């Protein structure tokens, strides 16, 4: 399990690996706040995520909302594993379900 932040000149990418849950929530929040502070587009990579719990989804939802209100681009990249994409849809995060292609 891990979360890494890669900051470029035009965008930030947060790469998540393994199970992203309440244990990693503080780290995810820190990376999201840092990314939002740059004012650059934010990409969230779900390629290697094995599980995304509701805590992580809530953080992503809040970050997307803050980005939208600030005029910052925000998007999930995939394809996400089928189980992760299904969890996103089942939790009612429809906007993410559209952005995430299941593999």
PDB file of N, CA and C in Angstrom:
ATOM      1  N   UNK A   1       0.846  -1.167   0.000  1.00  0.00           N
ATOM      2  CA  UNK A   1       0.000   0.000   0.000  1.00  0.00           C
ATOM      3  C   UNK A   1       0.890   1.227   0.000  1.00  0.00           C
ATOM      4  N   UNK A   2       0.504   2.221  -0.790  1.00  0.00           N
ATOM      5  CA  UNK A   2       1.260   3.449  -0.803  1.00  0.00           C
ATOM      6  C   UNK A   2       0.587   4.519  -1.631  1.00  0.00           C
ATOM      7  N   UNK A   3       0.956   5.735  -1.333  1.00  0.00           N
ATOM      8  CA  UNK A   3       0.445   6.888  -2.062  1.00  0.00           C
ATOM      9  C   UNK A   3       1.643   7.771  -2.373  1.00  0.00           C
ATOM     10  N   UNK A   4       1.790   8.162  -3.626  1.00  0.00           N
ATOM     11  CA  UNK A   4       2.907   9.003  -4.028  1.00  0.00           C
ATOM     12  C   UNK A   4       2.382  10.218  -4.779  1.00  0.00           C
ATOM     13  N   UNK A   5       2.999  11.344  -4.543  1.00  0.00           N
ATOM     14  CA  UNK A   5       2.644  12.583  -5.221  1.00  0.00           C
ATOM     15  C   UNK A   5       3.773  12.957  -6.175  1.00  0.00           C
ATOM     16  N   UNK A   6       3.423  13.153  -7.436  1.00  0.00           N
ATOM     17  CA  UNK A   6       4.375  13.603  -8.451  1.00  0.00           C
ATOM     18  C   UNK A   6       3.904  14.967  -8.928  1.00  0.00           C
ATOM     19  N   UNK A   7       4.714  15.990  -8.712  1.00  0.00           N
ATOM     20  CA  UNK A   7       4.322  17.331  -9.126  1.00  0.00           C
ATOM     21  C   UNK A   7       5.150  17.763 -10.320  1.00  0.00           C
ATOM     22  N   UNK A   8       4.438  18.168 -11.376  1.00  0.00           N
ATOM     23  CA  UNK A   8       5.083  18.685 -12.565  1.00  0.00           C
ATOM     24  C   UNK A   8       4.806  20.166 -12.693  1.00  0.00           C
ATOM     25  N   UNK A   9       5.235  20.745 -13.805  1.00  0.00           N
ATOM     26  CA  UNK A   9       5.037  22.179 -14.017  1.00  0.00           C
ATOM     27  C   UNK A   9       3.584  22.529 -14.304  1.00  0.00           C
ATOM     28  N   UNK A  10       2.841  21.611 -14.906  1.00  0.00           N
ATOM     29  CA  UNK A  10       1.467  21.878 -15.296  1.00  0.00           C
ATOM     30  C   UNK A  10       0.425  21.076 -14.530  1.00  0.00           C
ATOM     31  N   UNK A  11       0.866  19.999 -13.881  1.00  0.00           N
ATOM     32  CA  UNK A  11      -0.103  19.138 -13.207  1.00  0.00           C
ATOM     33  C   UNK A  11       0.548  18.368 -12.060  1.00  0.00           C
ATOM     34  N   UNK A  12      -0.313  17.842 -11.218  1.00  0.00           N
ATOM     35  CA  UNK A  12       0.100  16.950 -10.134  1.00  0.00           C
ATOM     36  C   UNK A  12      -0.583  15.609 -10.362  1.00  0.00           C
ATOM     37  N   UNK A  13       0.146  14.537 -10.082  1.00  0.00           N
ATOM     38  CA  UNK A  13      -0.424  13.202 -10.183  1.00  0.00           C
ATOM     39  C   UNK A  13      -0.257  12.503  -8.847  1.00  0.00           C
ATOM     40  N   UNK A  14      -1.363  11.988  -8.340  1.00  0.00           N
ATOM     41  CA  UNK A  14      -1.327  11.193  -7.121  1.00  0.00           C
ATOM     42  C   UNK A  14      -1.524   9.746  -7.540  1.00  0.00           C
ATOM     43  N   UNK A  15      -0.508   8.932  -7.267  1.00  0.00           N
ATOM     44  CA  UNK A  15      -0.549   7.514  -7.612  1.00  0.00           C
ATOM     45  C   UNK A  15      -0.793   6.711  -6.344  1.00  0.00           C
ATOM     46  N   UNK A  16      -1.806   5.861  -6.424  1.00  0.00           N
ATOM     47  CA  UNK A  16      -2.149   5.035  -5.271  1.00  0.00           C
ATOM     48  C   UNK A  16      -1.917   3.575  -5.616  1.00  0.00           C
ATOM     49  N   UNK A  17      -1.467   2.829  -4.615  1.00  0.00           N
ATOM     50  CA  UNK A  17      -1.130   1.431  -4.825  1.00  0.00           C
ATOM     51  C   UNK A  17      -1.666   0.607  -3.657  1.00  0.00           C
ATOM     52  N   UNK A  18      -2.372  -0.469  -3.962  1.00  0.00           N
ATOM     53  CA  UNK A  18      -2.900  -1.351  -2.922  1.00  0.00           C
ATOM     54  C   UNK A  18      -4.227  -0.878  -2.377  1.00  0.00           C
ATOM     55  N   UNK A  19      -4.479  -1.208  -1.119  1.00  0.00           N
ATOM     56  CA  UNK A  19      -5.735  -0.835  -0.467  1.00  0.00           C
ATOM     57  C   UNK A  19      -5.607   0.581   0.097  1.00  0.00           C
ATOM     58  N   UNK A  20      -6.520   1.443  -0.307  1.00  0.00           N
ATOM     59  CA  UNK A  20      -6.538   2.820   0.179  1.00  0.00           C
ATOM     60  C   UNK A  20      -7.754   2.933   1.087  1.00  0.00           C
ATOM     61  N   UNK A  21      -7.477   3.094   2.380  1.00  0.00           N
ATOM     62  CA  UNK A  21      -8.546   3.066   3.373  1.00  0.00           C
ATOM     63  C   UNK A  21      -8.285   4.088   4.470  1.00  0.00           C
ATOM     64  N   UNK A  22      -8.964   3.950   5.572  1.00  0.00           N
ATOM     65  CA  UNK A  22      -8.864   4.899   6.678  1.00  0.00           C
ATOM     66  C   UNK A  22      -7.422   5.025   7.181  1.00  0.00           C
ATOM     67  N   UNK A  23      -6.644   3.947   7.092  1.00  0.00           N
ATOM     68  CA  UNK A  23      -5.258   3.971   7.541  1.00  0.00           C
ATOM     69  C   UNK A  23      -4.424   4.946   6.711  1.00  0.00           C
ATOM     70  N   UNK A  24      -4.711   5.042   5.423  1.00  0.00           N
ATOM     71  CA  UNK A  24      -3.944   5.919   4.537  1.00  0.00           C
ATOM     72  C   UNK A  24      -4.648   7.249   4.264  1.00  0.00           C
ATOM     73  N   UNK A  25      -5.764   7.501   4.930  1.00  0.00           N
ATOM     74  CA  UNK A  25      -6.555   8.707   4.675  1.00  0.00           C
ATOM     75  C   UNK A  25      -5.783   9.995   4.936  1.00  0.00           C
ATOM     76  N   UNK A  26      -5.030  10.063   6.009  1.00  0.00           N
ATOM     77  CA  UNK A  26      -4.282  11.284   6.326  1.00  0.00           C
ATOM     78  C   UNK A  26      -3.243  11.585   5.247  1.00  0.00           C
ATOM     79  N   UNK A  27      -2.570  10.556   4.765  1.00  0.00           N
ATOM     80  CA  UNK A  27      -1.578  10.741   3.708  1.00  0.00           C
ATOM     81  C   UNK A  27      -2.247  11.192   2.409  1.00  0.00           C
ATOM     82  N   UNK A  28      -3.368  10.575   2.063  1.00  0.00           N
ATOM     83  CA  UNK A  28      -4.095  10.971   0.860  1.00  0.00           C
ATOM     84  C   UNK A  28      -4.551  12.421   0.979  1.00  0.00           C
ATOM     85  N   UNK A  29      -5.106  12.784   2.127  1.00  0.00           N
ATOM     86  CA  UNK A  29      -5.566  14.161   2.321  1.00  0.00           C
ATOM     87  C   UNK A  29      -4.407  15.146   2.167  1.00  0.00           C
ATOM     88  N   UNK A  30      -3.264  14.832   2.752  1.00  0.00           N
ATOM     89  CA  UNK A  30      -2.096  15.714   2.655  1.00  0.00           C
ATOM     90  C   UNK A  30      -1.697  15.942   1.201  1.00  0.00           C
ATOM     91  N   UNK A  31      -1.653  14.866   0.412  1.00  0.00           N
ATOM     92  CA  UNK A  31      -1.279  14.988  -1.004  1.00  0.00           C
ATOM     93  C   UNK A  31      -2.333  15.770  -1.792  1.00  0.00           C
ATOM     94  N   UNK A  32      -3.597  15.562  -1.474  1.00  0.00           N
ATOM     95  CA  UNK A  32      -4.653  16.310  -2.160  1.00  0.00           C
ATOM     96  C   UNK A  32      -4.558  17.801  -1.847  1.00  0.00           C
ATOM     97  N   UNK A  33      -4.334  18.144  -0.587  1.00  0.00           N
ATOM     98  CA  UNK A  33      -4.211  19.551  -0.185  1.00  0.00           C
ATOM     99  C   UNK A  33      -3.001  20.190  -0.868  1.00  0.00           C
ATOM    100  N   UNK A  34      -1.868  19.487  -0.890  1.00  0.00           N
ATOM    101  CA  UNK A  34      -0.673  20.005  -1.565  1.00  0.00           C
ATOM    102  C   UNK A  34      -0.940  20.231  -3.049  1.00  0.00           C
ATOM    103  N   UNK A  35      -1.625  19.300  -3.668  1.00  0.00           N
ATOM    104  CA  UNK A  35      -1.926  19.417  -5.096  1.00  0.00           C
ATOM    105  C   UNK A  35      -2.864  20.577  -5.375  1.00  0.00           C
ATOM    106  N   UNK A  36      -3.880  20.723  -4.560  1.00  0.00           N
ATOM    107  CA  UNK A  36      -4.825  21.829  -4.737  1.00  0.00           C
ATOM    108  C   UNK A  36      -4.135  23.180  -4.570  1.00  0.00           C
ATOM    109  N   UNK A  37      -3.181  23.249  -3.668  1.00  0.00           N
ATOM    110  CA  UNK A  37      -2.480  24.506  -3.393  1.00  0.00           C
ATOM    111  C   UNK A  37      -1.672  25.002  -4.590  1.00  0.00           C
ATOM    112  N   UNK A  38      -1.269  24.096  -5.469  1.00  0.00           N
ATOM    113  CA  UNK A  38      -0.467  24.514  -6.632  1.00  0.00           C
ATOM    114  C   UNK A  38      -1.319  25.234  -7.675  1.00  0.00           C
ATOM    115  N   UNK A  39      -2.613  24.946  -7.697  1.00  0.00           N
ATOM    116  CA  UNK A  39      -3.473  25.532  -8.714  1.00  0.00           C
ATOM    117  C   UNK A  39      -3.365  24.850 -10.062  1.00  0.00           C
ATOM    118  N   UNK A  40      -2.615  23.745 -10.116  1.00  0.00           N
ATOM    119  CA  UNK A  40      -2.452  22.993 -11.357  1.00  0.00           C
ATOM    120  C   UNK A  40      -3.439  21.839 -11.414  1.00  0.00           C
ATOM    121  N   UNK A  41      -3.648  21.349 -12.621  1.00  0.00           N
ATOM    122  CA  UNK A  41      -4.532  20.207 -12.833  1.00  0.00           C
ATOM    123  C   UNK A  41      -4.086  19.019 -11.979  1.00  0.00           C
ATOM    124  N   UNK A  42      -5.074  18.248 -11.511  1.00  0.00           N
ATOM    125  CA  UNK A  42      -4.788  17.112 -10.633  1.00  0.00           C
ATOM    126  C   UNK A  42      -5.280  15.822 -11.286  1.00  0.00           C
ATOM    127  N   UNK A  43      -4.395  14.838 -11.317  1.00  0.00           N
ATOM    128  CA  UNK A  43      -4.726  13.513 -11.842  1.00  0.00           C
ATOM    129  C   UNK A  43      -4.588  12.506 -10.703  1.00  0.00           C
ATOM    130  N   UNK A  44      -5.558  11.628 -10.585  1.00  0.00           N
ATOM    131  CA  UNK A  44      -5.541  10.578  -9.576  1.00  0.00           C
ATOM    132  C   UNK A  44      -5.448   9.242 -10.307  1.00  0.00           C
ATOM    133  N   UNK A  45      -4.347   8.532 -10.096  1.00  0.00           N
ATOM    134  CA  UNK A  45      -4.142   7.255 -10.766  1.00  0.00           C
ATOM    135  C   UNK A  45      -4.679   6.110  -9.914  1.00  0.00           C
ATOM    136  N   UNK A  46      -5.606   5.360 -10.492  1.00  0.00           N
ATOM    137  CA  UNK A  46      -6.217   4.224  -9.805  1.00  0.00           C
ATOM    138  C   UNK A  46      -5.743   2.882 -10.350  1.00  0.00           C
ATOM    139  N   UNK A  47      -4.784   2.905 -11.254  1.00  0.00           N
ATOM    140  CA  UNK A  47      -4.334   1.683 -11.937  1.00  0.00           C
ATOM    141  C   UNK A  47      -3.979   0.535 -10.998  1.00  0.00           C
ATOM    142  N   UNK A  48      -3.304   0.846  -9.890  1.00  0.00           N
ATOM    143  CA  UNK A  48      -2.800  -0.204  -9.002  1.00  0.00           C
ATOM    144  C   UNK A  48      -3.552  -0.301  -7.681  1.00  0.00           C
ATOM    145  N   UNK A  49      -4.731   0.296  -7.620  1.00  0.00           N
ATOM    146  CA  UNK A  49      -5.530   0.253  -6.396  1.00  0.00           C
ATOM    147  C   UNK A  49      -6.273  -1.081  -6.332  1.00  0.00           C
ATOM    148  N   UNK A  50      -6.189  -1.745  -5.187  1.00  0.00           N
ATOM    149  CA  UNK A  50      -6.901  -3.012  -5.014  1.00  0.00           C
ATOM    150  C   UNK A  50      -8.212  -2.814  -4.266  1.00  0.00           C
ATOM    151  N   UNK A  51      -8.292  -1.754  -3.459  1.00  0.00           N
ATOM    152  CA  UNK A  51      -9.510  -1.448  -2.712  1.00  0.00           C
ATOM    153  C   UNK A  51      -9.511   0.038  -2.392  1.00  0.00           C
ATOM    154  N   UNK A  52     -10.670   0.650  -2.511  1.00  0.00           N
ATOM    155  CA  UNK A  52     -10.832   2.076  -2.228  1.00  0.00           C
ATOM    156  C   UNK A  52     -12.040   2.199  -1.320  1.00  0.00           C
ATOM    157  N   UNK A  53     -11.797   2.476  -0.034  1.00  0.00           N
ATOM    158  CA  UNK A  53     -12.927   2.518   0.884  1.00  0.00           C
ATOM    159  C   UNK A  53     -13.633   3.873   0.839  1.00  0.00           C
ATOM    160  N   UNK A  54     -14.739   3.952   1.539  1.00  0.00           N
ATOM    161  CA  UNK A  54     -15.577   5.142   1.478  1.00  0.00           C
ATOM    162  C   UNK A  54     -14.849   6.377   2.008  1.00  0.00           C
ATOM    163  N   UNK A  55     -13.932   6.203   2.956  1.00  0.00           N
ATOM    164  CA  UNK A  55     -13.159   7.333   3.465  1.00  0.00           C
ATOM    165  C   UNK A  55     -12.336   7.961   2.340  1.00  0.00           C
ATOM    166  N   UNK A  56     -11.664   7.136   1.569  1.00  0.00           N
ATOM    167  CA  UNK A  56     -10.868   7.625   0.447  1.00  0.00           C
ATOM    168  C   UNK A  56     -11.759   8.270  -0.610  1.00  0.00           C
ATOM    169  N   UNK A  57     -12.905   7.646  -0.871  1.00  0.00           N
ATOM    170  CA  UNK A  57     -13.828   8.220  -1.860  1.00  0.00           C
ATOM    171  C   UNK A  57     -14.334   9.585  -1.414  1.00  0.00           C
ATOM    172  N   UNK A  58     -14.608   9.745  -0.125  1.00  0.00           N
ATOM    173  CA  UNK A  58     -15.068  11.030   0.385  1.00  0.00           C
ATOM    174  C   UNK A  58     -13.990  12.093   0.228  1.00  0.00           C
ATOM    175  N   UNK A  59     -12.747  11.727   0.478  1.00  0.00           N
ATOM    176  CA  UNK A  59     -11.645  12.678   0.286  1.00  0.00           C
ATOM    177  C   UNK A  59     -11.521  13.084  -1.177  1.00  0.00           C
ATOM    178  N   UNK A  60     -11.637  12.113  -2.073  1.00  0.00           N
ATOM    179  CA  UNK A  60     -11.567  12.422  -3.503  1.00  0.00           C
ATOM    180  C   UNK A  60     -12.734  13.301  -3.928  1.00  0.00           C
ATOM    181  N   UNK A  61     -13.924  13.008  -3.410  1.00  0.00           N
ATOM    182  CA  UNK A  61     -15.102  13.815  -3.733  1.00  0.00           C
ATOM    183  C   UNK A  61     -14.893  15.257  -3.264  1.00  0.00           C
ATOM    184  N   UNK A  62     -14.415  15.441  -2.040  1.00  0.00           N
ATOM    185  CA  UNK A  62     -14.187  16.781  -1.494  1.00  0.00           C
ATOM    186  C   UNK A  62     -13.114  17.521  -2.298  1.00  0.00           C
ATOM    187  N   UNK A  63     -12.069  16.813  -2.696  1.00  0.00           N
ATOM    188  CA  UNK A  63     -11.000  17.433  -3.488  1.00  0.00           C
ATOM    189  C   UNK A  63     -11.511  17.829  -4.865  1.00  0.00           C
ATOM    190  N   UNK A  64     -12.331  16.977  -5.476  1.00  0.00           N
ATOM    191  CA  UNK A  64     -12.894  17.315  -6.797  1.00  0.00           C
ATOM    192  C   UNK A  64     -13.760  18.556  -6.687  1.00  0.00           C
ATOM    193  N   UNK A  65     -14.532  18.630  -5.653  1.00  0.00           N
ATOM    194  CA  UNK A  65     -15.416  19.785  -5.439  1.00  0.00           C
ATOM    195  C   UNK A  65     -14.591  21.060  -5.226  1.00  0.00           C
ATOM    196  N   UNK A  66     -13.556  20.974  -4.406  1.00  0.00           N
ATOM    197  CA  UNK A  66     -12.688  22.130  -4.169  1.00  0.00           C
ATOM    198  C   UNK A  66     -11.974  22.549  -5.452  1.00  0.00           C
ATOM    199  N   UNK A  67     -11.533  21.573  -6.228  1.00  0.00           N
ATOM    200  CA  UNK A  67     -10.866  21.877  -7.496  1.00  0.00           C
ATOM    201  C   UNK A  67     -11.826  22.578  -8.455  1.00  0.00           C
ATOM    202  N   UNK A  68     -13.028  22.041  -8.555  1.00  0.00           N
ATOM    203  CA  UNK A  68     -14.032  22.641  -9.446  1.00  0.00           C
ATOM    204  C   UNK A  68     -14.326  24.078  -9.047  1.00  0.00           C
ATOM    205  N   UNK A  69     -14.492  24.316  -7.742  1.00  0.00           N
ATOM    206  CA  UNK A  69     -14.780  25.665  -7.248  1.00  0.00           C
ATOM    207  C   UNK A  69     -13.618  26.623  -7.494  1.00  0.00           C
ATOM    208  N   UNK A  70     -12.400  26.094  -7.584  1.00  0.00           N
ATOM    209  CA  UNK A  70     -11.212  26.915  -7.817  1.00  0.00           C
ATOM    210  C   UNK A  70     -10.847  27.001  -9.295  1.00  0.00           C
ATOM    211  N   UNK A  71     -11.591  26.297 -10.138  1.00  0.00           N
ATOM    212  CA  UNK A  71     -11.281  26.295 -11.559  1.00  0.00           C
ATOM    213  C   UNK A  71     -10.085  25.426 -11.918  1.00  0.00           C
ATOM    214  N   UNK A  72      -9.774  24.462 -11.067  1.00  0.00           N
ATOM    215  CA  UNK A  72      -8.652  23.555 -11.280  1.00  0.00           C
ATOM    216  C   UNK A  72      -9.184  22.245 -11.858  1.00  0.00           C
ATOM    217  N   UNK A  73      -8.526  21.738 -12.886  1.00  0.00           N
ATOM    218  CA  UNK A  73      -8.924  20.467 -13.469  1.00  0.00           C
ATOM    219  C   UNK A  73      -8.639  19.319 -12.513  1.00  0.00           C
ATOM    220  N   UNK A  74      -9.530  18.350 -12.481  1.00  0.00           N
ATOM    221  CA  UNK A  74      -9.393  17.208 -11.583  1.00  0.00           C
ATOM    222  C   UNK A  74      -9.944  15.991 -12.296  1.00  0.00           C
ATOM    223  N   UNK A  75      -9.176  14.916 -12.337  1.00  0.00           N
ATOM    224  CA  UNK A  75      -9.680  13.724 -12.994  1.00  0.00           C
ATOM    225  C   UNK A  75      -9.047  12.454 -12.475  1.00  0.00           C
ATOM    226  N   UNK A  76      -9.831  11.400 -12.506  1.00  0.00           N
ATOM    227  CA  UNK A  76      -9.341  10.079 -12.155  1.00  0.00           C
ATOM    228  C   UNK A  76      -8.868   9.408 -13.431  1.00  0.00           C
ATOM    229  N   UNK A  77      -7.754   8.712 -13.323  1.00  0.00           N
ATOM    230  CA  UNK A  77      -7.258   7.986 -14.478  1.00  0.00           C
ATOM    231  C   UNK A  77      -7.370   6.501 -14.202  1.00  0.00           C
ATOM    232  N   UNK A  78      -7.425   5.753 -15.218  1.00  0.00           N
ATOM    233  CA  UNK A  78      -7.597   4.320 -15.071  1.00  0.00           C
ATOM    234  C   UNK A  78      -6.921   3.625 -16.213  1.00  0.00           C
ATOM    235  N   UNK A  79      -7.340   2.477 -16.537  1.00  0.00           N
ATOM    236  CA  UNK A  79      -8.538   1.833 -16.027  1.00  0.00           C
ATOM    237  C   UNK A  79      -8.351   1.318 -14.604  1.00  0.00           C
ATOM    238  N   UNK A  80      -9.403   1.395 -13.857  1.00  0.00           N
ATOM    239  CA  UNK A  80      -9.389   0.895 -12.483  1.00  0.00           C
ATOM    240  C   UNK A  80      -9.793  -0.576 -12.500  1.00  0.00           C
ATOM    241  N   UNK A  81      -9.305  -1.334 -11.555  1.00  0.00           N
ATOM    242  CA  UNK A  81      -9.770  -2.714 -11.433  1.00  0.00           C
ATOM    243  C   UNK A  81     -11.291  -2.742 -11.266  1.00  0.00           C
ATOM    244  N   UNK A  82     -11.940  -3.774 -11.789  1.00  0.00           N
ATOM    245  CA  UNK A  82     -13.400  -3.856 -11.755  1.00  0.00           C
ATOM    246  C   UNK A  82     -13.982  -3.676 -10.363  1.00  0.00           C
ATOM    247  N   UNK A  83     -13.362  -4.277  -9.373  1.00  0.00           N
ATOM    248  CA  UNK A  83     -13.862  -4.167  -8.007  1.00  0.00           C
ATOM    249  C   UNK A  83     -13.840  -2.743  -7.504  1.00  0.00           C
ATOM    250  N   UNK A  84     -12.812  -2.001  -7.852  1.00  0.00           N
ATOM    251  CA  UNK A  84     -12.699  -0.601  -7.432  1.00  0.00           C
ATOM    252  C   UNK A  84     -13.754   0.233  -8.143  1.00  0.00           C
ATOM    253  N   UNK A  85     -13.892   0.044  -9.444  1.00  0.00           N
ATOM    254  CA  UNK A  85     -14.904   0.781 -10.203  1.00  0.00           C
ATOM    255  C   UNK A  85     -16.303   0.474  -9.676  1.00  0.00           C
ATOM    256  N   UNK A  86     -16.550  -0.783  -9.320  1.00  0.00           N
ATOM    257  CA  UNK A  86     -17.855  -1.171  -8.777  1.00  0.00           C
ATOM    258  C   UNK A  86     -18.085  -0.530  -7.413  1.00  0.00           C
ATOM    259  N   UNK A  87     -17.060  -0.478  -6.579  1.00  0.00           N
ATOM    260  CA  UNK A  87     -17.191   0.158  -5.261  1.00  0.00           C
ATOM    261  C   UNK A  87     -17.526   1.634  -5.401  1.00  0.00           C
ATOM    262  N   UNK A  88     -16.890   2.290  -6.352  1.00  0.00           N
ATOM    263  CA  UNK A  88     -17.151   3.712  -6.592  1.00  0.00           C
ATOM    264  C   UNK A  88     -18.613   3.911  -6.980  1.00  0.00           C
ATOM    265  N   UNK A  89     -19.089   3.088  -7.895  1.00  0.00           N
ATOM    266  CA  UNK A  89     -20.481   3.203  -8.339  1.00  0.00           C
ATOM    267  C   UNK A  89     -21.450   2.869  -7.212  1.00  0.00           C
ATOM    268  N   UNK A  90     -21.170   1.810  -6.449  1.00  0.00           N
ATOM    269  CA  UNK A  90     -22.056   1.389  -5.363  1.00  0.00           C
ATOM    270  C   UNK A  90     -22.141   2.413  -4.243  1.00  0.00           C
ATOM    271  N   UNK A  91     -21.064   3.177  -4.052  1.00  0.00           N
ATOM    272  CA  UNK A  91     -21.052   4.198  -3.001  1.00  0.00           C
ATOM    273  C   UNK A  91     -21.819   5.446  -3.421  1.00  0.00           C
ATOM    274  N   UNK A  92     -22.246   5.483  -4.681  1.00  0.00           N
ATOM    275  CA  UNK A  92     -23.028   6.620  -5.149  1.00  0.00           C
ATOM    276  C   UNK A  92     -22.202   7.767  -5.682  1.00  0.00           C
ATOM    277  N   UNK A  93     -20.936   7.524  -5.919  1.00  0.00           N
ATOM    278  CA  UNK A  93     -20.082   8.563  -6.477  1.00  0.00           C
ATOM    279  C   UNK A  93     -20.142   8.471  -8.001  1.00  0.00           C
ATOM    280  N   UNK A  94     -21.318   8.788  -8.527  1.00  0.00           N
ATOM    281  CA  UNK A  94     -21.580   8.634  -9.953  1.00  0.00           C
ATOM    282  C   UNK A  94     -20.614   9.416 -10.828  1.00  0.00           C
ATOM    283  N   UNK A  95     -20.205  10.600 -10.377  1.00  0.00           N
ATOM    284  CA  UNK A  95     -19.303  11.399 -11.202  1.00  0.00           C
ATOM    285  C   UNK A  95     -17.977  10.668 -11.390  1.00  0.00           C
ATOM    286  N   UNK A  96     -17.514   9.917 -10.380  1.00  0.00           N
ATOM    287  CA  UNK A  96     -16.291   9.160 -10.522  1.00  0.00           C
ATOM    288  C   UNK A  96     -16.509   7.938 -11.394  1.00  0.00           C
ATOM    289  N   UNK A  97     -17.673   7.332 -11.297  1.00  0.00           N
ATOM    290  CA  UNK A  97     -17.955   6.133 -12.087  1.00  0.00           C
ATOM    291  C   UNK A  97     -17.847   6.439 -13.575  1.00  0.00           C
ATOM    292  N   UNK A  98     -18.218   7.632 -13.961  1.00  0.00           N
ATOM    293  CA  UNK A  98     -18.132   8.027 -15.375  1.00  0.00           C
ATOM    294  C   UNK A  98     -16.683   8.205 -15.785  1.00  0.00           C
ATOM    295  N   UNK A  99     -15.844   8.704 -14.881  1.00  0.00           N
ATOM    296  CA  UNK A  99     -14.452   8.967 -15.205  1.00  0.00           C
ATOM    297  C   UNK A  99     -13.570   7.728 -15.182  1.00  0.00           C
ATOM    298  N   UNK A 100     -14.018   6.690 -14.500  1.00  0.00           N
ATOM    299  CA  UNK A 100     -13.191   5.508 -14.309  1.00  0.00           C
ATOM    300  C   UNK A 100     -13.675   4.379 -15.203  1.00  0.00           C
ATOM    301  N   UNK A 101     -12.787   3.898 -16.027  1.00  0.00           N
ATOM    302  CA  UNK A 101     -13.089   2.748 -16.875  1.00  0.00           C
ATOM    303  C   UNK A 101     -12.604   1.496 -16.162  1.00  0.00           C
ATOM    304  N   UNK A 102     -13.444   0.506 -16.085  1.00  0.00           N
ATOM    305  CA  UNK A 102     -13.068  -0.747 -15.417  1.00  0.00           C
ATOM    306  C   UNK A 102     -12.267  -1.625 -16.354  1.00  0.00           C
ATOM    307  N   UNK A 103     -11.314  -2.350 -15.769  1.00  0.00           N
ATOM    308  CA  UNK A 103     -10.551  -3.321 -16.579  1.00  0.00           C
ATOM    309  C   UNK A 103     -10.801  -4.710 -16.080  1.00  0.00           C
TER     310      UNK A 103
END
